[in-house]
């Protein structure tokens, strides 16, 4: 989870048994977007964000062919806690991390 993701989304996923790591828990709240995406990739984790700058960094990597673990993005104005939790739970339980490598997925599904 990117640092700006509402805690209610993280909590909802925890309640549903989804393995979630927040930037806060990982100690990466002050990392710039490229380093945050590097860290998620290093851990083999897809990152969820509502940050357009992180989305732009993922697009840049797609164009250049630079590997990253994957990004799931939702626009801040489209953010609905319940729908995000539902969609992220589906993604987490139906897919494997390698399914999202070098990809950007958009919510809502």
N, C-alpha and C. Protein backbone atom coordinates (compact mmCIF):
# COMPACT_ATOMS: atom_id res chain seq x y z
N UNK A 1 0.83 -1.18 0.00
CA UNK A 1 0.00 0.00 0.00
C UNK A 1 0.87 1.24 0.00
N UNK A 2 0.57 2.12 -0.92
CA UNK A 2 1.23 3.42 -0.94
C UNK A 2 0.87 4.16 0.34
N UNK A 3 1.68 5.12 0.70
CA UNK A 3 1.52 5.84 1.96
C UNK A 3 0.18 6.57 2.07
N UNK A 4 -0.42 6.98 0.97
CA UNK A 4 -1.64 7.79 1.01
C UNK A 4 -2.93 6.98 0.95
N UNK A 5 -2.84 5.67 0.89
CA UNK A 5 -4.04 4.83 0.83
C UNK A 5 -4.77 4.91 2.19
N UNK A 6 -6.07 5.15 2.15
CA UNK A 6 -6.82 5.23 3.41
C UNK A 6 -6.70 3.95 4.24
N UNK A 7 -6.53 4.13 5.54
CA UNK A 7 -6.37 2.99 6.45
C UNK A 7 -7.57 2.06 6.40
N UNK A 8 -8.75 2.57 6.09
CA UNK A 8 -9.95 1.73 6.03
C UNK A 8 -9.82 0.65 4.95
N UNK A 9 -9.14 0.96 3.87
CA UNK A 9 -8.93 -0.04 2.82
C UNK A 9 -8.01 -1.14 3.33
N UNK A 10 -6.91 -0.74 3.92
CA UNK A 10 -5.97 -1.72 4.47
C UNK A 10 -6.65 -2.59 5.52
N UNK A 11 -7.39 -1.97 6.43
CA UNK A 11 -8.08 -2.71 7.48
C UNK A 11 -9.09 -3.69 6.89
N UNK A 12 -9.85 -3.24 5.90
CA UNK A 12 -10.82 -4.12 5.25
C UNK A 12 -10.17 -5.34 4.62
N UNK A 13 -9.01 -5.14 4.03
CA UNK A 13 -8.30 -6.26 3.42
C UNK A 13 -7.75 -7.21 4.48
N UNK A 14 -7.19 -6.66 5.57
CA UNK A 14 -6.73 -7.50 6.68
C UNK A 14 -7.86 -8.38 7.19
N UNK A 15 -9.07 -7.79 7.35
CA UNK A 15 -10.22 -8.55 7.84
C UNK A 15 -10.61 -9.68 6.90
N UNK A 16 -10.27 -9.55 5.64
CA UNK A 16 -10.59 -10.57 4.64
C UNK A 16 -9.43 -11.53 4.39
N UNK A 17 -8.40 -11.43 5.19
CA UNK A 17 -7.28 -12.36 5.10
C UNK A 17 -6.32 -12.09 3.97
N UNK A 18 -6.30 -10.86 3.47
CA UNK A 18 -5.38 -10.50 2.39
C UNK A 18 -4.07 -10.03 3.01
N UNK A 19 -2.95 -10.55 2.50
CA UNK A 19 -1.62 -10.17 2.95
C UNK A 19 -1.29 -8.78 2.41
N UNK A 20 -1.25 -7.80 3.30
CA UNK A 20 -1.02 -6.41 2.91
C UNK A 20 0.17 -5.87 3.68
N UNK A 21 1.02 -5.14 2.99
CA UNK A 21 2.13 -4.44 3.63
C UNK A 21 2.00 -2.97 3.29
N UNK A 22 1.90 -2.14 4.31
CA UNK A 22 1.78 -0.71 4.08
C UNK A 22 3.18 -0.09 4.03
N UNK A 23 3.26 1.06 3.39
CA UNK A 23 4.52 1.81 3.38
C UNK A 23 4.92 2.17 4.80
N UNK A 24 3.93 2.44 5.64
CA UNK A 24 4.21 2.78 7.03
C UNK A 24 4.87 1.60 7.75
N UNK A 25 4.32 0.42 7.60
CA UNK A 25 4.86 -0.77 8.27
C UNK A 25 6.24 -1.14 7.72
N UNK A 26 6.47 -0.83 6.46
CA UNK A 26 7.76 -1.15 5.82
C UNK A 26 8.80 -0.06 6.05
N UNK A 27 8.38 1.06 6.63
CA UNK A 27 9.31 2.15 6.89
C UNK A 27 9.73 2.92 5.65
N UNK A 28 8.85 2.93 4.65
CA UNK A 28 9.19 3.57 3.38
C UNK A 28 8.30 4.78 3.07
N UNK A 29 7.79 5.42 4.09
CA UNK A 29 6.85 6.53 3.88
C UNK A 29 7.51 7.75 3.24
N UNK A 30 8.81 7.86 3.32
CA UNK A 30 9.49 9.04 2.78
C UNK A 30 10.18 8.79 1.45
N UNK A 31 10.02 7.60 0.90
CA UNK A 31 10.66 7.30 -0.38
C UNK A 31 9.97 8.02 -1.52
N UNK A 32 10.75 8.49 -2.47
CA UNK A 32 10.21 9.04 -3.71
C UNK A 32 9.61 7.89 -4.51
N UNK A 33 8.71 8.22 -5.44
CA UNK A 33 7.97 7.19 -6.19
C UNK A 33 8.87 6.15 -6.87
N UNK A 34 9.94 6.54 -7.57
CA UNK A 34 10.79 5.51 -8.20
C UNK A 34 11.36 4.52 -7.19
N UNK A 35 11.80 5.02 -6.04
CA UNK A 35 12.37 4.15 -5.01
C UNK A 35 11.30 3.29 -4.36
N UNK A 36 10.10 3.84 -4.20
CA UNK A 36 8.99 3.07 -3.63
C UNK A 36 8.62 1.91 -4.57
N UNK A 37 8.59 2.19 -5.85
CA UNK A 37 8.29 1.13 -6.82
C UNK A 37 9.43 0.11 -6.85
N UNK A 38 10.67 0.57 -6.72
CA UNK A 38 11.81 -0.37 -6.62
C UNK A 38 11.66 -1.26 -5.40
N UNK A 39 11.26 -0.68 -4.27
CA UNK A 39 11.11 -1.45 -3.04
C UNK A 39 10.01 -2.50 -3.17
N UNK A 40 8.88 -2.12 -3.74
CA UNK A 40 7.80 -3.09 -3.94
C UNK A 40 8.27 -4.22 -4.85
N UNK A 41 9.02 -3.88 -5.88
CA UNK A 41 9.53 -4.89 -6.81
C UNK A 41 10.52 -5.80 -6.10
N UNK A 42 11.38 -5.22 -5.29
CA UNK A 42 12.36 -5.99 -4.51
C UNK A 42 11.66 -7.01 -3.62
N UNK A 43 10.52 -6.62 -3.06
CA UNK A 43 9.74 -7.51 -2.19
C UNK A 43 8.81 -8.44 -2.96
N UNK A 44 8.70 -8.24 -4.27
CA UNK A 44 7.80 -9.06 -5.07
C UNK A 44 6.34 -8.74 -4.83
N UNK A 45 6.06 -7.47 -4.51
CA UNK A 45 4.70 -7.05 -4.19
C UNK A 45 4.18 -6.02 -5.19
N UNK A 46 2.95 -6.21 -5.57
CA UNK A 46 2.25 -5.24 -6.39
C UNK A 46 1.87 -4.08 -5.47
N UNK A 47 1.98 -2.86 -5.97
CA UNK A 47 1.67 -1.70 -5.13
C UNK A 47 0.33 -1.10 -5.53
N UNK A 48 -0.48 -0.78 -4.52
CA UNK A 48 -1.76 -0.12 -4.74
C UNK A 48 -1.59 1.35 -4.42
N UNK A 49 -2.08 2.22 -5.31
CA UNK A 49 -1.90 3.65 -5.14
C UNK A 49 -3.05 4.44 -5.73
N UNK A 50 -3.17 5.67 -5.27
CA UNK A 50 -4.05 6.64 -5.90
C UNK A 50 -3.23 7.85 -6.34
N UNK A 51 -1.93 7.67 -6.38
CA UNK A 51 -0.97 8.72 -6.70
C UNK A 51 -0.68 8.71 -8.21
N UNK A 52 -1.04 9.78 -8.88
CA UNK A 52 -0.83 9.88 -10.33
C UNK A 52 0.65 9.90 -10.69
N UNK A 53 1.50 10.41 -9.80
CA UNK A 53 2.94 10.41 -10.08
C UNK A 53 3.49 8.99 -10.10
N UNK A 54 3.00 8.14 -9.21
CA UNK A 54 3.43 6.74 -9.21
C UNK A 54 2.92 6.03 -10.46
N UNK A 55 1.72 6.37 -10.88
CA UNK A 55 1.17 5.84 -12.13
C UNK A 55 2.06 6.24 -13.30
N UNK A 56 2.50 7.49 -13.32
CA UNK A 56 3.39 7.98 -14.39
C UNK A 56 4.72 7.24 -14.36
N UNK A 57 5.24 6.96 -13.18
CA UNK A 57 6.50 6.20 -13.08
C UNK A 57 6.34 4.80 -13.63
N UNK A 58 5.21 4.16 -13.36
CA UNK A 58 4.96 2.82 -13.91
C UNK A 58 4.87 2.88 -15.43
N UNK A 59 4.19 3.88 -15.96
CA UNK A 59 4.08 4.02 -17.43
C UNK A 59 5.45 4.25 -18.05
N UNK A 60 6.28 5.03 -17.40
CA UNK A 60 7.64 5.28 -17.88
C UNK A 60 8.42 3.97 -17.95
N UNK A 61 8.28 3.14 -16.94
CA UNK A 61 8.97 1.86 -16.91
C UNK A 61 8.43 0.91 -17.98
N UNK A 62 7.14 0.96 -18.21
CA UNK A 62 6.58 0.13 -19.28
C UNK A 62 7.20 0.52 -20.63
N UNK A 63 7.28 1.82 -20.89
CA UNK A 63 7.85 2.30 -22.16
C UNK A 63 9.32 1.93 -22.32
N UNK A 64 10.06 1.99 -21.22
CA UNK A 64 11.51 1.72 -21.29
C UNK A 64 11.85 0.24 -21.15
N UNK A 65 10.86 -0.56 -20.77
CA UNK A 65 11.12 -1.99 -20.59
C UNK A 65 11.77 -2.33 -19.26
N UNK A 66 11.76 -1.38 -18.33
CA UNK A 66 12.33 -1.63 -17.00
C UNK A 66 11.33 -2.40 -16.15
N UNK A 67 11.77 -3.52 -15.61
CA UNK A 67 10.90 -4.41 -14.85
C UNK A 67 10.40 -3.74 -13.57
N UNK A 68 9.11 -3.98 -13.26
CA UNK A 68 8.54 -3.61 -11.96
C UNK A 68 7.45 -4.62 -11.64
N UNK A 69 7.14 -4.74 -10.36
CA UNK A 69 6.25 -5.80 -9.89
C UNK A 69 4.78 -5.58 -10.25
N UNK A 70 4.40 -4.36 -10.56
CA UNK A 70 3.02 -4.08 -10.92
C UNK A 70 2.41 -3.00 -10.06
N UNK A 71 1.43 -2.31 -10.62
CA UNK A 71 0.75 -1.22 -9.94
C UNK A 71 -0.75 -1.40 -10.12
N UNK A 72 -1.48 -1.21 -9.06
CA UNK A 72 -2.94 -1.13 -9.13
C UNK A 72 -3.28 0.30 -8.75
N UNK A 73 -4.05 0.96 -9.61
CA UNK A 73 -4.31 2.39 -9.45
C UNK A 73 -5.81 2.66 -9.41
N UNK A 74 -6.18 3.57 -8.54
CA UNK A 74 -7.54 4.10 -8.53
C UNK A 74 -7.43 5.62 -8.43
N UNK A 75 -8.22 6.31 -9.21
CA UNK A 75 -8.24 7.77 -9.16
C UNK A 75 -8.89 8.21 -7.85
N UNK A 76 -8.34 9.25 -7.24
CA UNK A 76 -8.84 9.72 -5.94
C UNK A 76 -10.34 10.02 -5.95
N UNK A 77 -10.84 10.55 -7.04
CA UNK A 77 -12.26 10.89 -7.10
C UNK A 77 -13.14 9.66 -7.31
N UNK A 78 -12.55 8.56 -7.74
CA UNK A 78 -13.30 7.33 -7.94
C UNK A 78 -13.18 6.41 -6.74
N UNK A 79 -12.51 6.88 -5.70
CA UNK A 79 -12.24 6.05 -4.54
C UNK A 79 -13.49 5.83 -3.71
N UNK A 80 -13.89 4.59 -3.62
CA UNK A 80 -14.99 4.14 -2.77
C UNK A 80 -14.40 3.00 -1.95
N UNK A 81 -14.35 3.17 -0.65
CA UNK A 81 -13.67 2.22 0.22
C UNK A 81 -14.16 0.79 0.01
N UNK A 82 -15.46 0.59 0.07
CA UNK A 82 -16.02 -0.76 -0.08
C UNK A 82 -15.68 -1.40 -1.41
N UNK A 83 -15.81 -0.65 -2.49
CA UNK A 83 -15.50 -1.19 -3.81
C UNK A 83 -14.01 -1.48 -3.97
N UNK A 84 -13.17 -0.62 -3.42
CA UNK A 84 -11.71 -0.86 -3.48
C UNK A 84 -11.36 -2.15 -2.74
N UNK A 85 -11.91 -2.30 -1.55
CA UNK A 85 -11.63 -3.51 -0.77
C UNK A 85 -12.08 -4.74 -1.54
N UNK A 86 -13.29 -4.69 -2.09
CA UNK A 86 -13.82 -5.83 -2.85
C UNK A 86 -12.92 -6.15 -4.03
N UNK A 87 -12.59 -5.14 -4.84
CA UNK A 87 -11.79 -5.37 -6.04
C UNK A 87 -10.38 -5.84 -5.70
N UNK A 88 -9.77 -5.24 -4.67
CA UNK A 88 -8.42 -5.66 -4.29
C UNK A 88 -8.41 -7.08 -3.73
N UNK A 89 -9.45 -7.45 -3.02
CA UNK A 89 -9.55 -8.83 -2.52
C UNK A 89 -9.64 -9.80 -3.69
N UNK A 90 -10.42 -9.48 -4.68
CA UNK A 90 -10.53 -10.35 -5.87
C UNK A 90 -9.17 -10.49 -6.54
N UNK A 91 -8.50 -9.37 -6.74
CA UNK A 91 -7.18 -9.40 -7.39
C UNK A 91 -6.20 -10.23 -6.58
N UNK A 92 -6.17 -10.02 -5.27
CA UNK A 92 -5.22 -10.72 -4.41
C UNK A 92 -5.47 -12.22 -4.36
N UNK A 93 -6.73 -12.61 -4.37
CA UNK A 93 -7.05 -14.03 -4.22
C UNK A 93 -7.15 -14.77 -5.54
N UNK A 94 -7.34 -14.05 -6.64
CA UNK A 94 -7.48 -14.72 -7.94
C UNK A 94 -6.19 -14.72 -8.74
N UNK A 95 -5.27 -13.83 -8.39
CA UNK A 95 -4.06 -13.71 -9.18
C UNK A 95 -2.82 -14.01 -8.37
N UNK A 96 -1.74 -14.19 -9.08
CA UNK A 96 -0.43 -14.36 -8.47
C UNK A 96 0.38 -13.10 -8.76
N UNK A 97 1.33 -12.75 -7.91
CA UNK A 97 2.11 -11.53 -8.15
C UNK A 97 2.71 -11.46 -9.56
N UNK A 98 3.18 -12.57 -10.07
CA UNK A 98 3.79 -12.56 -11.41
C UNK A 98 2.78 -12.22 -12.52
N UNK A 99 1.50 -12.39 -12.24
CA UNK A 99 0.47 -12.02 -13.22
C UNK A 99 0.43 -10.52 -13.46
N UNK A 100 0.96 -9.74 -12.52
CA UNK A 100 0.87 -8.29 -12.59
C UNK A 100 2.20 -7.62 -12.94
N UNK A 101 3.23 -8.42 -13.16
CA UNK A 101 4.54 -7.88 -13.49
C UNK A 101 4.44 -6.98 -14.72
N UNK A 102 5.01 -5.79 -14.61
CA UNK A 102 5.07 -4.81 -15.70
C UNK A 102 3.70 -4.34 -16.16
N UNK A 103 2.71 -4.46 -15.31
CA UNK A 103 1.34 -4.06 -15.67
C UNK A 103 0.81 -3.01 -14.73
N UNK A 104 -0.14 -2.27 -15.25
CA UNK A 104 -0.92 -1.32 -14.44
C UNK A 104 -2.38 -1.76 -14.57
N UNK A 105 -2.99 -2.02 -13.44
CA UNK A 105 -4.42 -2.35 -13.40
C UNK A 105 -5.15 -1.16 -12.82
N UNK A 106 -6.33 -0.90 -13.33
CA UNK A 106 -7.12 0.24 -12.88
C UNK A 106 -8.37 -0.24 -12.16
N UNK A 107 -8.67 0.43 -11.06
CA UNK A 107 -9.92 0.19 -10.34
C UNK A 107 -10.86 1.34 -10.64
N UNK A 108 -12.17 1.11 -10.61
CA UNK A 108 -12.81 -0.17 -10.31
C UNK A 108 -12.65 -1.15 -11.46
N UNK A 109 -12.76 -2.45 -11.07
CA UNK A 109 -12.65 -3.51 -12.09
C UNK A 109 -13.79 -3.43 -13.06
